[in-house]
Amino acid sequence: MIIRVAGVAAAVILIAVATFYAPASARLRNFFGPTGVWLIAPLHNAGRIIGNSKNQVLDLLTSYRDNQALREQQSEMLVDKAAFLLLQNENQALRSALGIAEEGQRAVAYAAIIGGFAEGRDEYWVINAGISKNIHEGQTVLSADGVMAGIVRTVSQNTATVRLLASPSESLTVTLLPAKIDALLRGDNNGEYVLSLVPDSVEVSRGDVVVTAGRNPGVPSELPVGSVVSIEKRSAESFQDVRLKAPATLQFIDHVIILIDSPVE
C-alpha cells in the first residue's frame, strides 16, 4: 500500500515537473527519447498555457485594482468639487444679501432651500426660515444674484413656502426695457413667463430685459426677472404675445434672499 501511494506521488511530481518546468521537460524528453515526446510535450504545452493564463489573470486583477483606485480618487475629487461649489454658492448668496442690505438700507434674510413640491401647475420651494426670522406672507424672494424668484405664501415658525414667479397663479406688473413699457407678467412653468398687454406698436426684440415695475405690494422696482425669448405679433389684435425666460442660474440655486421690509427711512 505504501509503495503504491509513493508510486502515485512520484508520478504526480513527475507530471507536474514536466508540465510547469521547461528545463526539466527537456531533460525528460531526452531521457525517454523520441517515443516519450508524445507524452511529455502535451503536458509541457498544457503547463505553458496554464502559466500564460495565470499571468493574464494576474494582469487583469492588477488592472482592476488600479482602475478601482482611480475611480475612488475621481469620486473623492467630485465630492470635493461639489462641496466647493456648494460653499461658493452659499457665499455668493450671503454676499448678495449683504450688498442688498447695504445698498438699499433694506432688511433681508438669508435661507436655504430644503425642499420643493407642486400643486397643480404651481411650483413651490420650502425654505428653512420662518416667523422666527421675521419672514411673513407676501415678501419677495430673490436668487443669490438678485433675480426675483418668487413670493412667500405660507409661513410657520421655522420654515416657509415660496411660490415661484413662474407658477401660473402668480402675476406681476413689470417694465420692458429698453421700451420702458409696463406689462402684465404671468408664470408659465419651468422658469418661463408670458407678457400680456404689450401694444403691437411697441418694438420688442429677443434679449430685451424685463424688471419689476414696483406696482405690486412688497415688490420693489427694478428687480431683474428675465429676458425676451420670443415675440408673436397677431395682425387681428392690437397686442403682441411676448415670452420670457428666467436666467438659467435660477434653476440650480440652493439658497435665497428674502426682502423683509421696505427701505428704511
Protein backbone atom coordinates (compact mmCIF):
# COMPACT_ATOMS: atom_id res chain seq x y z
CA MET A 1 0.00 0.00 0.00
CA ILE A 2 2.77 2.42 0.96
CA ILE A 3 4.69 1.54 -2.19
CA ARG A 4 1.57 2.21 -4.29
CA VAL A 5 1.00 5.64 -2.68
CA ALA A 6 4.67 6.50 -3.13
CA GLY A 7 4.47 5.48 -6.78
CA VAL A 8 1.40 7.65 -7.39
CA ALA A 9 3.05 10.61 -5.64
CA ALA A 10 6.18 10.21 -7.74
CA ALA A 11 4.10 10.09 -10.91
CA VAL A 12 2.24 13.26 -9.91
CA ILE A 13 5.51 15.05 -9.15
CA LEU A 14 6.97 13.88 -12.45
CA ILE A 15 3.94 15.12 -14.38
CA ALA A 16 3.96 18.46 -12.54
CA VAL A 17 7.66 18.99 -13.25
CA ALA A 18 7.19 18.04 -16.87
CA THR A 19 4.22 20.34 -17.17
CA PHE A 20 5.43 23.52 -15.48
CA TYR A 21 9.25 23.40 -15.51
CA ALA A 22 10.59 23.82 -19.04
CA PRO A 23 14.23 22.67 -18.41
CA ALA A 24 13.02 19.54 -16.68
CA SER A 25 10.66 18.72 -19.52
CA ALA A 26 13.54 19.00 -21.98
CA ARG A 27 15.65 16.56 -19.94
CA LEU A 28 12.71 14.18 -19.66
CA ARG A 29 12.23 14.24 -23.43
CA ASN A 30 15.93 13.33 -23.82
CA PHE A 31 15.61 10.64 -21.17
CA PHE A 32 12.54 9.00 -22.67
CA GLY A 33 13.72 9.51 -26.23
CA PRO A 34 11.53 10.18 -29.24
CA THR A 35 8.97 7.64 -28.15
CA GLY A 36 8.26 9.64 -24.97
CA VAL A 37 7.88 13.02 -26.64
CA TRP A 38 4.23 12.33 -27.38
CA LEU A 39 3.64 12.08 -23.60
CA ILE A 40 5.86 14.89 -22.28
CA ALA A 41 5.24 17.56 -24.95
CA PRO A 42 1.46 17.82 -24.44
CA LEU A 43 1.96 18.11 -20.70
CA HIS A 44 4.53 20.84 -21.14
CA ASN A 45 2.29 22.72 -23.60
CA ALA A 46 -0.61 22.49 -21.17
CA GLY A 47 1.59 23.88 -18.39
CA ARG A 48 2.69 26.75 -20.61
CA ILE A 49 -0.94 27.61 -21.44
CA ILE A 50 -1.90 27.46 -17.77
CA GLY A 51 1.08 29.66 -16.87
CA ASN A 52 0.17 32.22 -19.52
CA SER A 53 -3.45 32.21 -18.36
CA LYS A 54 -2.31 32.74 -14.78
CA ASN A 55 -0.22 35.74 -15.86
CA GLN A 56 -3.17 37.17 -17.78
CA VAL A 57 -5.44 36.78 -14.75
CA LEU A 58 -2.85 38.47 -12.55
CA ASP A 59 -2.55 41.32 -15.07
CA LEU A 60 -6.34 41.70 -15.14
CA LEU A 61 -6.52 41.76 -11.34
CA THR A 62 -3.77 44.39 -11.20
CA SER A 63 -5.52 46.47 -13.86
CA TYR A 64 -8.84 46.17 -11.99
CA ARG A 65 -7.24 47.30 -8.73
CA ASP A 66 -5.62 50.25 -10.50
CA ASN A 67 -8.90 51.23 -12.17
CA GLN A 68 -10.78 50.87 -8.90
CA ALA A 69 -8.27 53.11 -7.14
CA LEU A 70 -8.59 55.65 -9.96
CA ARG A 71 -12.38 55.58 -9.74
CA GLU A 72 -12.23 56.08 -5.99
CA GLN A 73 -9.86 59.01 -6.47
CA GLN A 74 -12.16 60.54 -9.10
CA SER A 75 -15.16 60.09 -6.78
CA GLU A 76 -13.32 61.85 -3.97
CA MET A 77 -12.45 64.70 -6.35
CA LEU A 78 -16.11 65.02 -7.43
CA VAL A 79 -17.25 65.13 -3.80
CA ASP A 80 -14.66 67.80 -3.02
CA LYS A 81 -15.74 69.80 -6.09
CA ALA A 82 -19.42 69.54 -5.14
CA ALA A 83 -18.65 70.72 -1.61
CA PHE A 84 -16.61 73.61 -3.00
CA LEU A 85 -19.41 74.66 -5.40
CA LEU A 86 -21.98 74.45 -2.60
CA LEU A 87 -19.83 76.66 -0.39
CA GLN A 88 -19.23 79.01 -3.32
CA ASN A 89 -22.99 79.35 -3.99
CA GLU A 90 -23.69 79.86 -0.31
CA ASN A 91 -21.03 82.57 -0.05
CA GLN A 92 -22.39 84.27 -3.18
CA ALA A 93 -25.90 84.37 -1.72
CA LEU A 94 -24.58 85.74 1.56
CA ARG A 95 -22.53 88.43 -0.21
CA SER A 96 -25.57 89.40 -2.30
CA ALA A 97 -27.74 89.64 0.81
CA LEU A 98 -25.20 91.89 2.50
CA GLY A 99 -24.93 94.01 -0.65
CA ILE A 100 -28.70 94.45 -0.95
CA ALA A 101 -28.99 95.32 2.72
CA GLU A 102 -26.20 97.89 2.46
CA GLU A 103 -27.18 99.42 -0.88
CA GLY A 104 -30.91 99.78 -0.26
CA GLN A 105 -30.83 100.07 3.53
CA ARG A 106 -33.20 97.12 3.43
CA ALA A 107 -33.53 94.35 5.99
CA VAL A 108 -33.02 90.96 4.39
CA ALA A 109 -33.00 87.32 5.47
CA TYR A 110 -30.89 84.51 4.13
CA ALA A 111 -32.26 80.95 3.82
CA ALA A 112 -31.53 77.57 2.29
CA ILE A 113 -33.94 75.73 0.02
CA ILE A 114 -34.71 72.48 1.84
CA GLY A 115 -37.45 71.06 -0.38
CA GLY A 116 -39.84 71.59 -3.23
CA PHE A 117 -43.26 70.47 -4.42
CA ALA A 118 -46.04 71.27 -6.87
CA GLU A 119 -49.76 71.92 -6.51
CA GLY A 120 -51.32 71.54 -9.93
CA ARG A 121 -49.09 73.61 -12.18
CA ASP A 122 -47.87 75.86 -9.37
CA GLU A 123 -44.29 75.28 -8.19
CA TYR A 124 -43.06 75.81 -4.63
CA TRP A 125 -39.86 75.85 -2.64
CA VAL A 126 -39.58 75.17 1.09
CA ILE A 127 -37.01 77.32 2.89
CA ASN A 128 -35.52 76.95 6.38
CA ALA A 129 -36.60 80.38 7.63
CA GLY A 130 -39.94 81.39 9.12
CA ILE A 131 -41.58 83.62 11.68
CA SER A 132 -38.54 83.31 13.95
CA LYS A 133 -36.54 85.17 11.28
CA ASN A 134 -39.25 87.75 10.61
CA ILE A 135 -40.49 86.01 7.46
CA HIS A 136 -44.09 86.83 6.52
CA GLU A 137 -46.51 86.10 3.71
CA GLY A 138 -46.14 88.30 0.65
CA GLN A 139 -42.42 89.01 0.97
CA THR A 140 -40.26 88.99 -2.16
CA VAL A 141 -37.72 86.20 -2.65
CA LEU A 142 -34.58 86.65 -4.76
CA SER A 143 -31.91 84.33 -6.07
CA ALA A 144 -28.31 84.73 -4.91
CA ASP A 145 -27.59 87.04 -7.85
CA GLY A 146 -30.60 89.27 -7.20
CA VAL A 147 -33.13 87.87 -9.70
CA MET A 148 -36.73 87.78 -8.48
CA ALA A 149 -37.65 84.14 -7.91
CA GLY A 150 -40.99 84.11 -6.07
CA ILE A 151 -43.24 85.24 -3.25
CA VAL A 152 -43.58 83.86 0.29
CA ARG A 153 -47.06 82.30 0.51
CA THR A 154 -47.20 80.34 3.78
CA VAL A 155 -45.13 80.63 6.94
CA SER A 156 -44.52 78.52 10.05
CA GLN A 157 -42.22 79.15 12.98
CA ASN A 158 -39.04 77.94 11.28
CA THR A 159 -39.98 77.31 7.64
CA ALA A 160 -41.86 78.97 4.81
CA THR A 161 -43.12 78.09 1.35
CA VAL A 162 -42.26 80.22 -1.66
CA ARG A 163 -44.44 80.09 -4.75
CA LEU A 164 -42.22 80.58 -7.76
CA LEU A 165 -42.90 83.53 -10.01
CA ALA A 166 -43.02 81.05 -12.92
CA SER A 167 -46.20 79.49 -11.45
CA PRO A 168 -49.40 80.21 -13.43
CA SER A 169 -51.10 81.53 -10.27
CA GLU A 170 -48.55 84.34 -9.98
CA SER A 171 -48.88 87.64 -11.83
CA LEU A 172 -46.82 90.80 -11.62
CA THR A 173 -46.59 94.22 -13.23
CA VAL A 174 -43.21 94.54 -14.94
CA THR A 175 -41.34 97.00 -17.12
CA LEU A 176 -40.00 96.02 -20.52
CA LEU A 177 -36.63 97.57 -21.35
CA PRO A 178 -35.46 99.49 -23.29
CA ALA A 179 -39.02 100.31 -24.42
CA LYS A 180 -39.96 101.33 -20.83
CA ILE A 181 -43.44 99.90 -21.28
CA ASP A 182 -45.32 98.34 -18.35
CA ALA A 183 -46.97 94.97 -18.97
CA LEU A 184 -48.60 92.13 -17.06
CA LEU A 185 -46.42 89.08 -16.44
CA ARG A 186 -47.80 85.61 -15.71
CA GLY A 187 -45.91 82.44 -14.95
CA ASP A 188 -45.87 79.56 -17.44
CA ASN A 189 -43.74 76.99 -15.55
CA ASN A 190 -40.12 75.89 -15.87
CA GLY A 191 -38.72 79.39 -15.46
CA GLU A 192 -40.80 80.82 -18.30
CA TYR A 193 -43.26 83.73 -18.36
CA VAL A 194 -45.81 85.32 -20.69
CA LEU A 195 -46.20 89.08 -21.08
CA SER A 196 -49.69 90.42 -21.78
CA LEU A 197 -50.92 93.87 -22.83
CA VAL A 198 -47.82 94.77 -24.81
CA PRO A 199 -49.05 97.14 -27.56
CA ASP A 200 -48.42 95.96 -31.09
CA SER A 201 -46.79 99.29 -31.86
CA VAL A 202 -44.00 98.74 -29.31
CA GLU A 203 -40.73 97.45 -30.72
CA VAL A 204 -39.69 94.31 -28.83
CA SER A 205 -36.59 92.23 -29.58
CA ARG A 206 -35.16 88.96 -28.36
CA GLY A 207 -32.88 89.58 -25.41
CA ASP A 208 -34.77 92.63 -24.12
CA VAL A 209 -34.71 92.72 -20.33
CA VAL A 210 -37.75 92.72 -18.03
CA VAL A 211 -37.63 94.15 -14.49
CA THR A 212 -40.21 94.65 -11.76
CA ALA A 213 -42.24 97.86 -12.02
CA GLY A 214 -42.70 98.39 -8.29
CA ARG A 215 -46.50 98.44 -8.59
CA ASN A 216 -47.18 95.32 -6.52
CA PRO A 217 -47.24 95.36 -2.69
CA GLY A 218 -43.93 94.28 -1.18
CA VAL A 219 -42.16 94.11 -4.56
CA PRO A 220 -39.65 96.92 -5.17
CA SER A 221 -38.91 98.23 -8.64
CA GLU A 222 -36.01 97.35 -10.95
CA LEU A 223 -35.51 93.76 -9.80
CA PRO A 224 -34.45 91.64 -12.81
CA VAL A 225 -36.96 88.98 -13.83
CA GLY A 226 -35.86 87.58 -17.19
CA SER A 227 -35.29 88.31 -20.85
CA VAL A 228 -37.38 88.04 -24.02
CA VAL A 229 -37.03 84.77 -25.94
CA SER A 230 -39.87 85.05 -28.48
CA ILE A 231 -42.37 87.57 -29.88
CA GLU A 232 -45.59 86.80 -31.72
CA LYS A 233 -47.50 89.60 -33.42
CA ARG A 234 -51.15 88.98 -34.24
CA SER A 235 -52.49 91.03 -37.10
CA ALA A 236 -56.08 90.82 -35.84
CA GLU A 237 -55.23 92.20 -32.38
CA SER A 238 -53.64 95.37 -31.07
CA PHE A 239 -51.36 93.48 -28.66
CA GLN A 240 -48.47 91.07 -29.13
CA ASP A 241 -47.54 87.93 -27.22
CA VAL A 242 -44.09 88.05 -25.63
CA ARG A 243 -42.42 85.11 -23.88
CA LEU A 244 -39.65 85.47 -21.31
CA LYS A 245 -37.25 83.11 -19.63
CA ALA A 246 -35.56 83.47 -16.27
CA PRO A 247 -31.75 83.23 -16.11
CA ALA A 248 -30.54 79.63 -16.23
CA THR A 249 -28.93 80.01 -12.80
CA LEU A 250 -32.39 80.31 -11.24
CA GLN A 251 -32.99 76.61 -11.92
CA PHE A 252 -29.98 75.45 -9.88
CA ILE A 253 -29.85 77.64 -6.78
CA ASP A 254 -29.90 76.26 -3.24
CA HIS A 255 -30.05 79.50 -1.21
CA VAL A 256 -32.31 82.53 -1.44
CA ILE A 257 -32.59 86.09 -0.14
CA ILE A 258 -35.86 87.36 1.34
CA LEU A 259 -36.65 91.08 1.41
CA ILE A 260 -38.00 91.63 4.90
CA ASP A 261 -39.46 95.11 4.63
CA SER A 262 -39.40 98.40 2.74
CA PRO A 263 -36.23 100.51 2.65
CA VAL A 264 -35.51 102.17 5.97
CA GLU A 265 -36.41 105.88 6.02
